[in-house]
Amino acid sequence: MQATAEAIEKCLPEGDEAARLAGDEFIVLHAMEEMEAEELAENIRKAIEGIDCASFAPGSSLESAIGVCKYSEAGNVRSLFKLADERMYALKKQRQDNGR
């Protein structure tokens, strides 16, 4: 978890915040346009998947699924979390269906 948190933090522009939400889930608050948020999500994904696990889990690798949404799509914080969560799980399912 610590390596993942550090990888996320290194990707964040100044003023953005990240926090562990639960288990292996993190939330990033990013005040930019959707395209920039998508680019940030991709940078975070690459950083997480690039973590060298040899020192703490030899033979393992990390994957990530990131749900991106805008506050204006949700209307309130609870709906924002729900929508991002739904998108994350949809991405996970899509990867499973594609054999990745």
PDB file of N, CA and C in Angstrom:
ATOM      1  N   MET A   1       0.818  -1.192   0.000  1.00  0.00           N
ATOM      2  CA  MET A   1       0.000   0.000   0.000  1.00  0.00           C
ATOM      3  C   MET A   1       0.866   1.261   0.000  1.00  0.00           C
ATOM      4  N   GLN A   2       1.944   1.213   0.754  1.00  0.00           N
ATOM      5  CA  GLN A   2       2.807   2.393   0.838  1.00  0.00           C
ATOM      6  C   GLN A   2       3.419   2.721  -0.521  1.00  0.00           C
ATOM      7  N   ALA A   3       3.879   1.712  -1.241  1.00  0.00           N
ATOM      8  CA  ALA A   3       4.468   1.952  -2.562  1.00  0.00           C
ATOM      9  C   ALA A   3       3.428   2.523  -3.521  1.00  0.00           C
ATOM     10  N   THR A   4       2.200   2.043  -3.428  1.00  0.00           N
ATOM     11  CA  THR A   4       1.118   2.557  -4.273  1.00  0.00           C
ATOM     12  C   THR A   4       0.823   4.006  -3.932  1.00  0.00           C
ATOM     13  N   ALA A   5       0.713   4.306  -2.644  1.00  0.00           N
ATOM     14  CA  ALA A   5       0.445   5.688  -2.215  1.00  0.00           C
ATOM     15  C   ALA A   5       1.551   6.624  -2.692  1.00  0.00           C
ATOM     16  N   GLU A   6       2.793   6.180  -2.583  1.00  0.00           N
ATOM     17  CA  GLU A   6       3.919   7.011  -3.028  1.00  0.00           C
ATOM     18  C   GLU A   6       3.887   7.223  -4.541  1.00  0.00           C
ATOM     19  N   ALA A   7       3.532   6.188  -5.293  1.00  0.00           N
ATOM     20  CA  ALA A   7       3.444   6.315  -6.752  1.00  0.00           C
ATOM     21  C   ALA A   7       2.360   7.318  -7.139  1.00  0.00           C
ATOM     22  N   ILE A   8       1.234   7.269  -6.449  1.00  0.00           N
ATOM     23  CA  ILE A   8       0.141   8.212  -6.721  1.00  0.00           C
ATOM     24  C   ILE A   8       0.589   9.629  -6.402  1.00  0.00           C
ATOM     25  N   GLU A   9       1.164   9.815  -5.224  1.00  0.00           N
ATOM     26  CA  GLU A   9       1.599  11.153  -4.795  1.00  0.00           C
ATOM     27  C   GLU A   9       2.568  11.784  -5.791  1.00  0.00           C
ATOM     28  N   LYS A  10       3.478  10.987  -6.340  1.00  0.00           N
ATOM     29  CA  LYS A  10       4.471  11.509  -7.285  1.00  0.00           C
ATOM     30  C   LYS A  10       3.826  12.010  -8.575  1.00  0.00           C
ATOM     31  N   CYS A  11       2.646  11.519  -8.902  1.00  0.00           N
ATOM     32  CA  CYS A  11       1.961  11.909 -10.141  1.00  0.00           C
ATOM     33  C   CYS A  11       1.115  13.167  -9.988  1.00  0.00           C
ATOM     34  N   LEU A  12       0.821  13.553  -8.762  1.00  0.00           N
ATOM     35  CA  LEU A  12      -0.137  14.632  -8.539  1.00  0.00           C
ATOM     36  C   LEU A  12       0.458  16.017  -8.741  1.00  0.00           C
ATOM     37  N   PRO A  13      -0.265  16.868  -9.457  1.00  0.00           N
ATOM     38  CA  PRO A  13       0.141  18.269  -9.540  1.00  0.00           C
ATOM     39  C   PRO A  13      -0.034  18.934  -8.175  1.00  0.00           C
ATOM     40  N   GLU A  14       0.656  20.026  -7.969  1.00  0.00           N
ATOM     41  CA  GLU A  14       0.519  20.764  -6.715  1.00  0.00           C
ATOM     42  C   GLU A  14      -0.938  21.178  -6.530  1.00  0.00           C
ATOM     43  N   GLY A  15      -1.434  21.004  -5.328  1.00  0.00           N
ATOM     44  CA  GLY A  15      -2.809  21.371  -5.011  1.00  0.00           C
ATOM     45  C   GLY A  15      -3.776  20.205  -5.055  1.00  0.00           C
ATOM     46  N   ASP A  16      -3.398  19.100  -5.699  1.00  0.00           N
ATOM     47  CA  ASP A  16      -4.247  17.913  -5.722  1.00  0.00           C
ATOM     48  C   ASP A  16      -4.021  17.119  -4.439  1.00  0.00           C
ATOM     49  N   GLU A  17      -5.011  16.354  -4.073  1.00  0.00           N
ATOM     50  CA  GLU A  17      -4.929  15.555  -2.849  1.00  0.00           C
ATOM     51  C   GLU A  17      -5.263  14.106  -3.155  1.00  0.00           C
ATOM     52  N   ALA A  18      -4.622  13.201  -2.443  1.00  0.00           N
ATOM     53  CA  ALA A  18      -4.913  11.773  -2.542  1.00  0.00           C
ATOM     54  C   ALA A  18      -5.055  11.221  -1.136  1.00  0.00           C
ATOM     55  N   ALA A  19      -5.933  10.232  -0.994  1.00  0.00           N
ATOM     56  CA  ALA A  19      -6.125   9.589   0.301  1.00  0.00           C
ATOM     57  C   ALA A  19      -6.567   8.149   0.079  1.00  0.00           C
ATOM     58  N   ARG A  20      -6.215   7.294   1.012  1.00  0.00           N
ATOM     59  CA  ARG A  20      -6.681   5.911   0.963  1.00  0.00           C
ATOM     60  C   ARG A  20      -8.124   5.909   1.423  1.00  0.00           C
ATOM     61  N   LEU A  21      -8.996   5.345   0.610  1.00  0.00           N
ATOM     62  CA  LEU A  21     -10.421   5.327   0.922  1.00  0.00           C
ATOM     63  C   LEU A  21     -10.762   4.104   1.765  1.00  0.00           C
ATOM     64  N   ALA A  22     -10.394   2.923   1.271  1.00  0.00           N
ATOM     65  CA  ALA A  22     -10.652   1.676   1.989  1.00  0.00           C
ATOM     66  C   ALA A  22      -9.863   0.567   1.313  1.00  0.00           C
ATOM     67  N   GLY A  23      -9.381  -0.373   2.087  1.00  0.00           N
ATOM     68  CA  GLY A  23      -8.668  -1.501   1.500  1.00  0.00           C
ATOM     69  C   GLY A  23      -7.589  -1.040   0.543  1.00  0.00           C
ATOM     70  N   ASP A  24      -7.730  -1.435  -0.716  1.00  0.00           N
ATOM     71  CA  ASP A  24      -6.744  -1.043  -1.732  1.00  0.00           C
ATOM     72  C   ASP A  24      -7.288   0.054  -2.644  1.00  0.00           C
ATOM     73  N   GLU A  25      -8.246   0.822  -2.146  1.00  0.00           N
ATOM     74  CA  GLU A  25      -8.845   1.900  -2.936  1.00  0.00           C
ATOM     75  C   GLU A  25      -8.362   3.261  -2.450  1.00  0.00           C
ATOM     76  N   PHE A  26      -8.006   4.094  -3.416  1.00  0.00           N
ATOM     77  CA  PHE A  26      -7.555   5.456  -3.140  1.00  0.00           C
ATOM     78  C   PHE A  26      -8.464   6.425  -3.877  1.00  0.00           C
ATOM     79  N   ILE A  27      -8.536   7.636  -3.370  1.00  0.00           N
ATOM     80  CA  ILE A  27      -9.293   8.689  -4.037  1.00  0.00           C
ATOM     81  C   ILE A  27      -8.345   9.848  -4.310  1.00  0.00           C
ATOM     82  N   VAL A  28      -8.504  10.461  -5.473  1.00  0.00           N
ATOM     83  CA  VAL A  28      -7.710  11.627  -5.845  1.00  0.00           C
ATOM     84  C   VAL A  28      -8.669  12.763  -6.150  1.00  0.00           C
ATOM     85  N   LEU A  29      -8.463  13.894  -5.512  1.00  0.00           N
ATOM     86  CA  LEU A  29      -9.243  15.095  -5.803  1.00  0.00           C
ATOM     87  C   LEU A  29      -8.405  15.956  -6.729  1.00  0.00           C
ATOM     88  N   HIS A  30      -8.940  16.167  -7.915  1.00  0.00           N
ATOM     89  CA  HIS A  30      -8.184  16.811  -8.989  1.00  0.00           C
ATOM     90  C   HIS A  30      -9.058  17.900  -9.603  1.00  0.00           C
ATOM     91  N   ALA A  31      -8.639  19.149  -9.483  1.00  0.00           N
ATOM     92  CA  ALA A  31      -9.447  20.283  -9.949  1.00  0.00           C
ATOM     93  C   ALA A  31      -9.020  20.728 -11.343  1.00  0.00           C
ATOM     94  N   MET A  32      -9.294  19.895 -12.347  1.00  0.00           N
ATOM     95  CA  MET A  32      -8.944  20.242 -13.724  1.00  0.00           C
ATOM     96  C   MET A  32     -10.014  19.711 -14.666  1.00  0.00           C
ATOM     97  N   GLU A  33      -9.800  19.956 -15.941  1.00  0.00           N
ATOM     98  CA  GLU A  33     -10.731  19.492 -16.965  1.00  0.00           C
ATOM     99  C   GLU A  33     -10.677  17.971 -17.094  1.00  0.00           C
ATOM    100  N   GLU A  34     -11.728  17.409 -17.690  1.00  0.00           N
ATOM    101  CA  GLU A  34     -11.834  15.956 -17.799  1.00  0.00           C
ATOM    102  C   GLU A  34     -10.663  15.328 -18.555  1.00  0.00           C
ATOM    103  N   MET A  35     -10.229  15.944 -19.648  1.00  0.00           N
ATOM    104  CA  MET A  35      -9.103  15.379 -20.399  1.00  0.00           C
ATOM    105  C   MET A  35      -7.841  15.336 -19.543  1.00  0.00           C
ATOM    106  N   GLU A  36      -7.621  16.375 -18.743  1.00  0.00           N
ATOM    107  CA  GLU A  36      -6.462  16.381 -17.851  1.00  0.00           C
ATOM    108  C   GLU A  36      -6.616  15.312 -16.781  1.00  0.00           C
ATOM    109  N   ALA A  37      -7.837  15.101 -16.311  1.00  0.00           N
ATOM    110  CA  ALA A  37      -8.089  14.064 -15.310  1.00  0.00           C
ATOM    111  C   ALA A  37      -7.834  12.683 -15.905  1.00  0.00           C
ATOM    112  N   GLU A  38      -8.246  12.477 -17.147  1.00  0.00           N
ATOM    113  CA  GLU A  38      -7.992  11.199 -17.819  1.00  0.00           C
ATOM    114  C   GLU A  38      -6.489  10.972 -17.984  1.00  0.00           C
ATOM    115  N   GLU A  39      -5.773  12.030 -18.338  1.00  0.00           N
ATOM    116  CA  GLU A  39      -4.316  11.931 -18.491  1.00  0.00           C
ATOM    117  C   GLU A  39      -3.655  11.627 -17.146  1.00  0.00           C
ATOM    118  N   LEU A  40      -4.112  12.284 -16.087  1.00  0.00           N
ATOM    119  CA  LEU A  40      -3.584  12.018 -14.752  1.00  0.00           C
ATOM    120  C   LEU A  40      -3.855  10.569 -14.357  1.00  0.00           C
ATOM    121  N   ALA A  41      -5.065  10.086 -14.621  1.00  0.00           N
ATOM    122  CA  ALA A  41      -5.411   8.697 -14.300  1.00  0.00           C
ATOM    123  C   ALA A  41      -4.480   7.730 -15.025  1.00  0.00           C
ATOM    124  N   GLU A  42      -4.188   8.009 -16.282  1.00  0.00           N
ATOM    125  CA  GLU A  42      -3.281   7.149 -17.053  1.00  0.00           C
ATOM    126  C   GLU A  42      -1.866   7.201 -16.479  1.00  0.00           C
ATOM    127  N   ASN A  43      -1.412   8.379 -16.084  1.00  0.00           N
ATOM    128  CA  ASN A  43      -0.085   8.503 -15.466  1.00  0.00           C
ATOM    129  C   ASN A  43      -0.017   7.732 -14.156  1.00  0.00           C
ATOM    130  N   ILE A  44      -1.077   7.809 -13.360  1.00  0.00           N
ATOM    131  CA  ILE A  44      -1.126   7.067 -12.095  1.00  0.00           C
ATOM    132  C   ILE A  44      -1.117   5.569 -12.372  1.00  0.00           C
ATOM    133  N   ARG A  45      -1.918   5.126 -13.345  1.00  0.00           N
ATOM    134  CA  ARG A  45      -1.963   3.701 -13.691  1.00  0.00           C
ATOM    135  C   ARG A  45      -0.567   3.199 -14.072  1.00  0.00           C
ATOM    136  N   LYS A  46       0.120   3.939 -14.929  1.00  0.00           N
ATOM    137  CA  LYS A  46       1.466   3.544 -15.351  1.00  0.00           C
ATOM    138  C   LYS A  46       2.434   3.515 -14.167  1.00  0.00           C
ATOM    139  N   ALA A  47       2.320   4.491 -13.275  1.00  0.00           N
ATOM    140  CA  ALA A  47       3.206   4.540 -12.106  1.00  0.00           C
ATOM    141  C   ALA A  47       2.972   3.342 -11.193  1.00  0.00           C
ATOM    142  N   ILE A  48       1.708   3.000 -10.967  1.00  0.00           N
ATOM    143  CA  ILE A  48       1.387   1.857 -10.104  1.00  0.00           C
ATOM    144  C   ILE A  48       1.867   0.561 -10.745  1.00  0.00           C
ATOM    145  N   GLU A  49       1.582   0.394 -12.018  1.00  0.00           N
ATOM    146  CA  GLU A  49       1.961  -0.842 -12.691  1.00  0.00           C
ATOM    147  C   GLU A  49       3.470  -0.940 -12.910  1.00  0.00           C
ATOM    148  N   GLY A  50       4.181   0.178 -12.740  1.00  0.00           N
ATOM    149  CA  GLY A  50       5.633   0.180 -12.858  1.00  0.00           C
ATOM    150  C   GLY A  50       6.364  -0.057 -11.546  1.00  0.00           C
ATOM    151  N   ILE A  51       5.623  -0.234 -10.455  1.00  0.00           N
ATOM    152  CA  ILE A  51       6.251  -0.482  -9.152  1.00  0.00           C
ATOM    153  C   ILE A  51       6.985  -1.821  -9.184  1.00  0.00           C
ATOM    154  N   ASP A  52       8.225  -1.819  -8.731  1.00  0.00           N
ATOM    155  CA  ASP A  52       9.024  -3.039  -8.649  1.00  0.00           C
ATOM    156  C   ASP A  52       8.654  -3.765  -7.357  1.00  0.00           C
ATOM    157  N   CYS A  53       7.977  -4.875  -7.492  1.00  0.00           N
ATOM    158  CA  CYS A  53       7.482  -5.620  -6.328  1.00  0.00           C
ATOM    159  C   CYS A  53       8.504  -6.609  -5.767  1.00  0.00           C
ATOM    160  N   ALA A  54       9.672  -6.691  -6.372  1.00  0.00           N
ATOM    161  CA  ALA A  54      10.660  -7.709  -5.995  1.00  0.00           C
ATOM    162  C   ALA A  54      11.027  -7.675  -4.518  1.00  0.00           C
ATOM    163  N   SER A  55      11.085  -6.490  -3.925  1.00  0.00           N
ATOM    164  CA  SER A  55      11.525  -6.393  -2.532  1.00  0.00           C
ATOM    165  C   SER A  55      10.457  -6.801  -1.525  1.00  0.00           C
ATOM    166  N   PHE A  56       9.183  -6.747  -1.903  1.00  0.00           N
ATOM    167  CA  PHE A  56       8.140  -7.083  -0.931  1.00  0.00           C
ATOM    168  C   PHE A  56       7.201  -8.189  -1.401  1.00  0.00           C
ATOM    169  N   ALA A  57       7.199  -8.517  -2.668  1.00  0.00           N
ATOM    170  CA  ALA A  57       6.354  -9.597  -3.186  1.00  0.00           C
ATOM    171  C   ALA A  57       6.993 -10.164  -4.458  1.00  0.00           C
ATOM    172  N   PRO A  58       8.102 -10.900  -4.299  1.00  0.00           N
ATOM    173  CA  PRO A  58       8.815 -11.424  -5.470  1.00  0.00           C
ATOM    174  C   PRO A  58       7.885 -12.190  -6.416  1.00  0.00           C
ATOM    175  N   GLY A  59       8.042 -11.927  -7.709  1.00  0.00           N
ATOM    176  CA  GLY A  59       7.235 -12.608  -8.716  1.00  0.00           C
ATOM    177  C   GLY A  59       5.859 -12.009  -8.930  1.00  0.00           C
ATOM    178  N   SER A  60       5.554 -10.942  -8.206  1.00  0.00           N
ATOM    179  CA  SER A  60       4.234 -10.314  -8.319  1.00  0.00           C
ATOM    180  C   SER A  60       4.306  -9.041  -9.145  1.00  0.00           C
ATOM    181  N   SER A  61       3.149  -8.591  -9.569  1.00  0.00           N
ATOM    182  CA  SER A  61       3.046  -7.298 -10.240  1.00  0.00           C
ATOM    183  C   SER A  61       1.745  -6.643  -9.796  1.00  0.00           C
ATOM    184  N   LEU A  62       1.647  -5.359 -10.008  1.00  0.00           N
ATOM    185  CA  LEU A  62       0.452  -4.617  -9.615  1.00  0.00           C
ATOM    186  C   LEU A  62      -0.315  -4.161 -10.847  1.00  0.00           C
ATOM    187  N   GLU A  63      -1.630  -4.155 -10.732  1.00  0.00           N
ATOM    188  CA  GLU A  63      -2.502  -3.591 -11.751  1.00  0.00           C
ATOM    189  C   GLU A  63      -3.375  -2.560 -11.075  1.00  0.00           C
ATOM    190  N   SER A  64      -3.969  -1.707 -11.877  1.00  0.00           N
ATOM    191  CA  SER A  64      -4.882  -0.722 -11.306  1.00  0.00           C
ATOM    192  C   SER A  64      -6.058  -0.515 -12.236  1.00  0.00           C
ATOM    193  N   ALA A  65      -7.160  -0.107 -11.660  1.00  0.00           N
ATOM    194  CA  ALA A  65      -8.347   0.304 -12.411  1.00  0.00           C
ATOM    195  C   ALA A  65      -8.787   1.620 -11.791  1.00  0.00           C
ATOM    196  N   ILE A  66      -9.005   2.611 -12.627  1.00  0.00           N
ATOM    197  CA  ILE A  66      -9.301   3.950 -12.127  1.00  0.00           C
ATOM    198  C   ILE A  66     -10.607   4.439 -12.727  1.00  0.00           C
ATOM    199  N   GLY A  67     -11.527   4.844 -11.859  1.00  0.00           N
ATOM    200  CA  GLY A  67     -12.794   5.426 -12.301  1.00  0.00           C
ATOM    201  C   GLY A  67     -12.702   6.936 -12.225  1.00  0.00           C
ATOM    202  N   VAL A  68     -12.914   7.603 -13.343  1.00  0.00           N
ATOM    203  CA  VAL A  68     -12.814   9.062 -13.411  1.00  0.00           C
ATOM    204  C   VAL A  68     -14.200   9.644 -13.632  1.00  0.00           C
ATOM    205  N   CYS A  69     -14.540  10.666 -12.860  1.00  0.00           N
ATOM    206  CA  CYS A  69     -15.789  11.386 -13.108  1.00  0.00           C
ATOM    207  C   CYS A  69     -15.667  12.816 -12.610  1.00  0.00           C
ATOM    208  N   LYS A  70     -16.518  13.661 -13.162  1.00  0.00           N
ATOM    209  CA  LYS A  70     -16.548  15.069 -12.775  1.00  0.00           C
ATOM    210  C   LYS A  70     -17.650  15.279 -11.748  1.00  0.00           C
ATOM    211  N   TYR A  71     -17.425  16.215 -10.848  1.00  0.00           N
ATOM    212  CA  TYR A  71     -18.432  16.527  -9.836  1.00  0.00           C
ATOM    213  C   TYR A  71     -19.748  16.907 -10.499  1.00  0.00           C
ATOM    214  N   SER A  72     -19.681  17.636 -11.609  1.00  0.00           N
ATOM    215  CA  SER A  72     -20.903  18.082 -12.283  1.00  0.00           C
ATOM    216  C   SER A  72     -21.731  16.914 -12.817  1.00  0.00           C
ATOM    217  N   GLU A  73     -21.117  15.759 -13.029  1.00  0.00           N
ATOM    218  CA  GLU A  73     -21.852  14.573 -13.473  1.00  0.00           C
ATOM    219  C   GLU A  73     -22.650  13.956 -12.333  1.00  0.00           C
ATOM    220  N   ALA A  74     -22.203  14.176 -11.122  1.00  0.00           N
ATOM    221  CA  ALA A  74     -22.781  13.495  -9.971  1.00  0.00           C
ATOM    222  C   ALA A  74     -23.711  14.385  -9.160  1.00  0.00           C
ATOM    223  N   GLY A  75     -23.348  15.620  -8.943  1.00  0.00           N
ATOM    224  CA  GLY A  75     -24.210  16.534  -8.202  1.00  0.00           C
ATOM    225  C   GLY A  75     -23.948  16.603  -6.712  1.00  0.00           C
ATOM    226  N   ASN A  76     -23.427  15.522  -6.121  1.00  0.00           N
ATOM    227  CA  ASN A  76     -23.067  15.544  -4.704  1.00  0.00           C
ATOM    228  C   ASN A  76     -21.944  14.535  -4.467  1.00  0.00           C
ATOM    229  N   VAL A  77     -21.325  14.629  -3.322  1.00  0.00           N
ATOM    230  CA  VAL A  77     -20.141  13.812  -3.037  1.00  0.00           C
ATOM    231  C   VAL A  77     -20.470  12.324  -3.029  1.00  0.00           C
ATOM    232  N   ARG A  78     -21.567  11.940  -2.428  1.00  0.00           N
ATOM    233  CA  ARG A  78     -21.938  10.516  -2.369  1.00  0.00           C
ATOM    234  C   ARG A  78     -22.106   9.948  -3.787  1.00  0.00           C
ATOM    235  N   SER A  79     -22.800  10.685  -4.639  1.00  0.00           N
ATOM    236  CA  SER A  79     -23.001  10.246  -6.024  1.00  0.00           C
ATOM    237  C   SER A  79     -21.688  10.236  -6.801  1.00  0.00           C
ATOM    238  N   LEU A  80     -20.811  11.169  -6.489  1.00  0.00           N
ATOM    239  CA  LEU A  80     -19.498  11.233  -7.133  1.00  0.00           C
ATOM    240  C   LEU A  80     -18.704   9.964  -6.844  1.00  0.00           C
ATOM    241  N   PHE A  81     -18.642   9.562  -5.573  1.00  0.00           N
ATOM    242  CA  PHE A  81     -17.936   8.339  -5.197  1.00  0.00           C
ATOM    243  C   PHE A  81     -18.571   7.128  -5.875  1.00  0.00           C
ATOM    244  N   LYS A  82     -19.895   7.089  -5.882  1.00  0.00           N
ATOM    245  CA  LYS A  82     -20.614   5.958  -6.468  1.00  0.00           C
ATOM    246  C   LYS A  82     -20.318   5.843  -7.960  1.00  0.00           C
ATOM    247  N   LEU A  83     -20.361   6.955  -8.675  1.00  0.00           N
ATOM    248  CA  LEU A  83     -20.110   6.948 -10.110  1.00  0.00           C
ATOM    249  C   LEU A  83     -18.666   6.541 -10.422  1.00  0.00           C
ATOM    250  N   ALA A  84     -17.719   7.086  -9.682  1.00  0.00           N
ATOM    251  CA  ALA A  84     -16.314   6.712  -9.887  1.00  0.00           C
ATOM    252  C   ALA A  84     -16.115   5.224  -9.603  1.00  0.00           C
ATOM    253  N   ASP A  85     -16.751   4.719  -8.558  1.00  0.00           N
ATOM    254  CA  ASP A  85     -16.659   3.307  -8.199  1.00  0.00           C
ATOM    255  C   ASP A  85     -17.248   2.427  -9.304  1.00  0.00           C
ATOM    256  N   GLU A  86     -18.408   2.820  -9.822  1.00  0.00           N
ATOM    257  CA  GLU A  86     -19.041   2.062 -10.905  1.00  0.00           C
ATOM    258  C   GLU A  86     -18.134   2.012 -12.133  1.00  0.00           C
ATOM    259  N   ARG A  87     -17.516   3.127 -12.462  1.00  0.00           N
ATOM    260  CA  ARG A  87     -16.629   3.171 -13.623  1.00  0.00           C
ATOM    261  C   ARG A  87     -15.378   2.321 -13.404  1.00  0.00           C
ATOM    262  N   MET A  88     -14.874   2.318 -12.171  1.00  0.00           N
ATOM    263  CA  MET A  88     -13.711   1.496 -11.862  1.00  0.00           C
ATOM    264  C   MET A  88     -14.058   0.017 -12.034  1.00  0.00           C
ATOM    265  N   TYR A  89     -15.192  -0.408 -11.496  1.00  0.00           N
ATOM    266  CA  TYR A  89     -15.584  -1.812 -11.605  1.00  0.00           C
ATOM    267  C   TYR A  89     -15.926  -2.197 -13.040  1.00  0.00           C
ATOM    268  N   ALA A  90     -16.479  -1.267 -13.818  1.00  0.00           N
ATOM    269  CA  ALA A  90     -16.745  -1.538 -15.237  1.00  0.00           C
ATOM    270  C   ALA A  90     -15.434  -1.780 -15.980  1.00  0.00           C
ATOM    271  N   LEU A  91     -14.411  -1.005 -15.655  1.00  0.00           N
ATOM    272  CA  LEU A  91     -13.098  -1.190 -16.274  1.00  0.00           C
ATOM    273  C   LEU A  91     -12.506  -2.540 -15.878  1.00  0.00           C
ATOM    274  N   LYS A  92     -12.631  -2.906 -14.604  1.00  0.00           N
ATOM    275  CA  LYS A  92     -12.134  -4.210 -14.155  1.00  0.00           C
ATOM    276  C   LYS A  92     -12.835  -5.341 -14.910  1.00  0.00           C
ATOM    277  N   LYS A  93     -14.156  -5.228 -15.063  1.00  0.00           N
ATOM    278  CA  LYS A  93     -14.924  -6.256 -15.766  1.00  0.00           C
ATOM    279  C   LYS A  93     -14.512  -6.328 -17.229  1.00  0.00           C
ATOM    280  N   GLN A  94     -14.331  -5.175 -17.854  1.00  0.00           N
ATOM    281  CA  GLN A  94     -13.907  -5.136 -19.252  1.00  0.00           C
ATOM    282  C   GLN A  94     -12.561  -5.837 -19.418  1.00  0.00           C
ATOM    283  N   ARG A  95     -11.650  -5.611 -18.501  1.00  0.00           N
ATOM    284  CA  ARG A  95     -10.336  -6.264 -18.569  1.00  0.00           C
ATOM    285  C   ARG A  95     -10.465  -7.774 -18.401  1.00  0.00           C
ATOM    286  N   GLN A  96     -11.330  -8.199 -17.474  1.00  0.00           N
ATOM    287  CA  GLN A  96     -11.553  -9.637 -17.272  1.00  0.00           C
ATOM    288  C   GLN A  96     -12.118 -10.264 -18.539  1.00  0.00           C
ATOM    289  N   ASP A  97     -13.095  -9.592 -19.132  1.00  0.00           N
ATOM    290  CA  ASP A  97     -13.732 -10.108 -20.346  1.00  0.00           C
ATOM    291  C   ASP A  97     -12.747 -10.193 -21.508  1.00  0.00           C
ATOM    292  N   ASN A  98     -11.750  -9.300 -21.504  1.00  0.00           N
ATOM    293  CA  ASN A  98     -10.742  -9.292 -22.565  1.00  0.00           C
ATOM    294  C   ASN A  98      -9.541 -10.171 -22.232  1.00  0.00           C
ATOM    295  N   GLY A  99      -9.601 -10.840 -21.082  1.00  0.00           N
ATOM    296  CA  GLY A  99      -8.529 -11.749 -20.700  1.00  0.00           C
ATOM    297  C   GLY A  99      -7.285 -11.099 -20.161  1.00  0.00           C
ATOM    298  N   ARG A 100      -7.403  -9.882 -19.681  1.00  0.00           N
ATOM    299  CA  ARG A 100      -6.233  -9.202 -19.105  1.00  0.00           C
ATOM    300  C   ARG A 100      -6.314  -9.203 -17.615  1.00  0.00           C
TER     301      ARG A 100
END
